[in-house]
Protein backbone atom coordinates (compact mmCIF):
# COMPACT_ATOMS: atom_id res chain seq x y z
CA UNK A 1 0.00 0.00 0.00
CA UNK A 2 1.67 3.26 -1.09
CA UNK A 3 1.99 6.08 1.41
CA UNK A 4 0.77 8.49 -1.31
CA UNK A 5 -1.50 7.54 -4.20
CA UNK A 6 -0.07 8.01 -7.73
CA UNK A 7 -1.85 10.39 -10.06
CA UNK A 8 -3.88 9.07 -12.98
CA UNK A 9 -1.90 9.00 -16.23
CA UNK A 10 -4.77 10.33 -18.34
CA UNK A 11 -4.89 13.50 -16.25
CA UNK A 12 -1.31 14.38 -17.26
CA UNK A 13 -1.26 14.89 -21.06
CA UNK A 14 1.69 17.29 -20.77
CA UNK A 15 3.84 14.40 -19.56
CA UNK A 16 2.93 12.07 -22.45
CA UNK A 17 6.44 12.22 -24.05
CA UNK A 18 8.07 11.46 -20.69
CA UNK A 19 5.79 8.50 -20.08
CA UNK A 20 6.31 7.20 -23.61
CA UNK A 21 10.07 7.33 -23.13
CA UNK A 22 9.85 5.39 -19.87
CA UNK A 23 7.66 2.75 -21.50
CA UNK A 24 10.05 2.41 -24.43
CA UNK A 25 12.97 1.86 -22.07
CA UNK A 26 11.27 -0.39 -19.51
CA UNK A 27 8.26 -1.94 -21.23
CA UNK A 28 5.83 -0.33 -18.76
CA UNK A 29 5.20 2.96 -16.98
CA UNK A 30 6.54 2.85 -13.39
CA UNK A 31 4.15 4.05 -10.71
CA UNK A 32 6.98 6.06 -9.16
CA UNK A 33 6.75 8.55 -12.02
CA UNK A 34 3.01 8.95 -11.47
CA UNK A 35 3.60 9.63 -7.78
CA UNK A 36 6.21 12.26 -8.63
CA UNK A 37 3.61 13.84 -10.88
CA UNK A 38 1.88 15.51 -7.94
CA UNK A 39 4.68 17.95 -8.82
CA UNK A 40 4.74 17.40 -12.62
CA UNK A 41 7.98 19.20 -13.37
CA UNK A 42 9.73 16.82 -10.96
CA UNK A 43 8.73 13.86 -13.15
CA UNK A 44 10.25 15.55 -16.20
CA UNK A 45 13.42 16.65 -14.37
CA UNK A 46 13.93 13.15 -12.98
CA UNK A 47 13.44 11.63 -16.41
CA UNK A 48 16.12 13.88 -17.89
CA UNK A 49 18.58 13.16 -15.07
CA UNK A 50 17.97 9.42 -15.34
CA UNK A 51 18.28 9.50 -19.11
CA UNK A 52 21.60 11.36 -19.07
CA UNK A 53 22.96 9.13 -16.29
CA UNK A 54 22.09 6.04 -18.33
CA UNK A 55 23.90 7.52 -21.35
CA UNK A 56 21.27 9.42 -23.34
CA UNK A 57 22.12 12.66 -25.12
CA UNK A 58 20.67 15.63 -23.25
CA UNK A 59 19.98 17.58 -26.43
CA UNK A 60 17.97 14.67 -27.81
CA UNK A 61 15.93 14.49 -24.62
CA UNK A 62 15.30 18.23 -24.70
CA UNK A 63 14.13 17.92 -28.29
CA UNK A 64 11.62 15.23 -27.33
CA UNK A 65 10.32 17.20 -24.37
CA UNK A 66 10.34 20.69 -25.86
CA UNK A 67 6.68 20.48 -26.90
CA UNK A 68 5.64 21.39 -23.41
CA UNK A 69 7.24 21.79 -20.04
CA UNK A 70 4.67 21.00 -17.33
CA UNK A 71 3.77 23.83 -15.02
CA UNK A 72 3.27 23.44 -11.31
CA UNK A 73 -0.37 24.28 -10.77
CA UNK A 74 0.26 24.40 -7.03
CA UNK A 75 3.47 26.40 -7.04
CA UNK A 76 2.07 28.52 -4.22
CA UNK A 77 2.46 25.44 -2.01
CA UNK A 78 6.23 25.27 -2.43
CA UNK A 79 8.03 24.59 0.82
CA UNK A 80 9.76 27.43 2.64
CA UNK A 81 13.51 27.51 1.88
CA UNK A 82 14.36 26.96 5.57
CA UNK A 83 12.20 23.81 5.58
CA UNK A 84 13.86 22.53 2.41
CA UNK A 85 17.29 22.94 3.97
CA UNK A 86 16.18 21.43 7.29
CA UNK A 87 15.03 18.30 5.44
CA UNK A 88 18.29 18.19 3.51
CA UNK A 89 20.35 18.59 6.69
CA UNK A 90 18.47 15.84 8.54
CA UNK A 91 18.71 13.26 5.78
CA UNK A 92 22.42 14.08 5.34
CA UNK A 93 22.96 13.74 9.08
CA UNK A 94 21.28 10.35 9.07
CA UNK A 95 23.24 9.22 6.00
CA UNK A 96 26.52 10.45 7.50
CA UNK A 97 27.64 12.81 4.71
CA UNK A 98 29.63 15.54 6.46
CA UNK A 99 30.01 17.57 3.27
CA UNK A 100 26.23 17.83 2.85
CA UNK A 101 25.70 18.41 6.57
CA UNK A 102 27.95 21.47 6.38
CA UNK A 103 26.28 22.84 3.26
CA UNK A 104 22.70 22.28 4.36
CA UNK A 105 23.12 23.59 7.92
CA UNK A 106 24.82 26.69 6.56
CA UNK A 107 22.08 27.18 3.96
CA UNK A 108 19.31 26.53 6.49
CA UNK A 109 20.71 29.22 8.74
CA UNK A 110 21.02 31.61 5.79
CA UNK A 111 17.34 30.87 5.03
CA UNK A 112 16.35 31.84 8.57
CA UNK A 113 16.62 28.69 10.73
CA UNK A 114 17.88 29.44 14.24
CA UNK A 115 21.34 28.05 14.97
CA UNK A 116 20.21 26.65 18.31
CA UNK A 117 17.86 24.20 16.59
CA UNK A 118 20.69 22.10 15.20
CA UNK A 119 21.65 20.89 18.68
CA UNK A 120 18.15 19.47 19.18
CA UNK A 121 17.63 17.67 15.87
CA UNK A 122 18.32 14.20 17.26
CA UNK A 123 16.02 14.87 20.24
CA UNK A 124 13.40 16.64 18.14
CA UNK A 125 10.47 14.61 19.51
CA UNK A 126 10.86 16.11 22.99
CA UNK A 127 12.34 19.47 22.01
CA UNK A 128 10.31 22.67 22.37
CA UNK A 129 12.37 24.34 19.64
CA UNK A 130 10.39 22.77 16.78
CA UNK A 131 6.72 23.10 15.86
CA UNK A 132 4.60 20.16 14.70
CA UNK A 133 5.37 20.65 11.01
CA UNK A 134 9.12 20.77 11.63
CA UNK A 135 8.96 17.63 13.79
CA UNK A 136 7.18 15.80 10.96
CA UNK A 137 9.88 16.89 8.50
CA UNK A 138 12.73 15.90 10.79
CA UNK A 139 11.18 12.54 11.59
CA UNK A 140 10.72 11.44 8.00
CA UNK A 141 14.12 12.79 6.87
CA UNK A 142 16.06 11.05 9.64
CA UNK A 143 14.23 7.79 8.98
CA UNK A 144 14.71 8.04 5.20
CA UNK A 145 18.47 8.56 5.54
CA UNK A 146 18.96 5.25 7.32
CA UNK A 147 19.94 2.03 5.56
CA UNK A 148 17.64 0.20 5.33
CA UNK A 149 15.08 2.97 5.03
CA UNK A 150 13.06 3.29 8.25
CA UNK A 151 10.10 5.38 7.00
CA UNK A 152 6.68 3.97 7.83
CA UNK A 153 3.01 4.95 7.62
CA UNK A 154 3.22 6.92 10.86
CA UNK A 155 5.68 9.34 9.29
CA UNK A 156 3.20 10.02 6.50
CA UNK A 157 0.35 10.44 8.94
CA UNK A 158 2.42 13.13 10.64
CA UNK A 159 3.25 14.80 7.31
CA UNK A 160 -0.38 14.80 6.13
CA UNK A 161 -1.42 16.71 9.24
CA UNK A 162 0.64 19.69 8.01
CA UNK A 163 1.36 19.31 4.29
CA UNK A 164 -0.51 18.76 1.01
CA UNK A 165 0.21 15.87 -1.38
CA UNK A 166 2.16 18.25 -3.60
CA UNK A 167 4.26 19.37 -0.64
CA UNK A 168 4.87 15.80 0.48
CA UNK A 169 6.18 14.97 -2.98
CA UNK A 170 8.55 17.92 -2.71
CA UNK A 171 9.64 16.71 0.74
CA UNK A 172 10.44 13.25 -0.62
CA UNK A 173 12.04 14.88 -3.66
CA UNK A 174 14.46 16.79 -1.40
CA UNK A 175 15.24 13.62 0.55
CA UNK A 176 15.88 11.73 -2.68
CA UNK A 177 18.02 14.47 -4.21
CA UNK A 178 20.23 14.35 -1.16
CA UNK A 179 20.40 10.58 -1.44
CA UNK A 180 22.19 11.35 -4.72
CA UNK A 181 24.31 14.16 -3.27
CA UNK A 182 25.23 12.26 -0.09
CA UNK A 183 26.50 9.36 -2.18
CA UNK A 184 28.24 11.65 -4.66
CA UNK A 185 30.12 13.80 -2.16
CA UNK A 186 31.00 10.98 0.23
CA UNK A 187 32.24 8.82 -2.64
CA UNK A 188 34.18 11.66 -4.30
CA UNK A 189 35.49 13.06 -0.97
CA UNK A 190 34.52 16.49 -2.30
CA UNK A 191 36.53 19.30 -0.70
CA UNK A 192 34.47 21.63 1.47
CA UNK A 193 34.48 25.35 0.86
CA UNK A 194 35.55 27.90 3.46
CA UNK A 195 32.14 29.31 4.47
CA UNK A 196 30.39 25.98 5.20
CA UNK A 197 33.49 24.67 6.99
CA UNK A 198 33.57 27.68 9.29
CA UNK A 199 29.83 27.44 10.00
CA UNK A 200 29.85 23.69 10.65
CA UNK A 201 32.89 23.85 12.90
CA UNK A 202 31.26 26.59 14.98
CA UNK A 203 27.69 25.25 15.12
CA UNK A 204 27.99 21.49 14.62
CA UNK A 205 31.43 20.83 16.09
CA UNK A 206 30.11 20.26 19.60
CA UNK A 207 27.89 17.49 18.19
CA UNK A 208 30.83 15.61 16.70
CA UNK A 209 30.99 17.13 13.22
CA UNK A 210 34.45 17.27 11.69
CA UNK A 211 35.72 18.05 8.24
CA UNK A 212 37.12 14.53 7.85
CA UNK A 213 38.03 13.59 4.28
CA UNK A 214 36.38 16.75 2.95
CA UNK A 215 39.28 18.99 4.03
């Protein structure tokens, strides 16, 4: 039973070329792409990333898709930048990527998140520093960053009390993007830049953060 119902294919004519490409490659249309389609441009962006990663020519993909780029009918529901970065920080913390922890904590603070909140992330359930929406975001992000994934129906019940289906897709989109970035930067041992190093050492250092291989 999916935590979020996929959209109906026939209601998404603007994504017809994307769906046709997936069917040609796989022999069927995966339900994951229909779930992403609560935020239609995410389905297209994912398809292009996947295609290029598998070896397709980006210009050829753009030519196929140029007939229409789907618009986000619910763009007014986009998550606040501080919430986006909080999700990204929590999933990176759970996954153990110090590079992404430094970037996302720095960006979350730049987007308006109080520094003092970082010390309470791992005790978020009992902390009075987070509201109900933030606790739902932290819970699902920390669970999603674990291997194996520890997200369950209760996490989605908590999310649905505060967020729309479109927003939940964006939440999972941020988590999934940082699955890519956590793997990329940990595998590549990407060197950290001066500003996020300084921020992480000052704010996260007392919690055990260190520059490690990213120096």
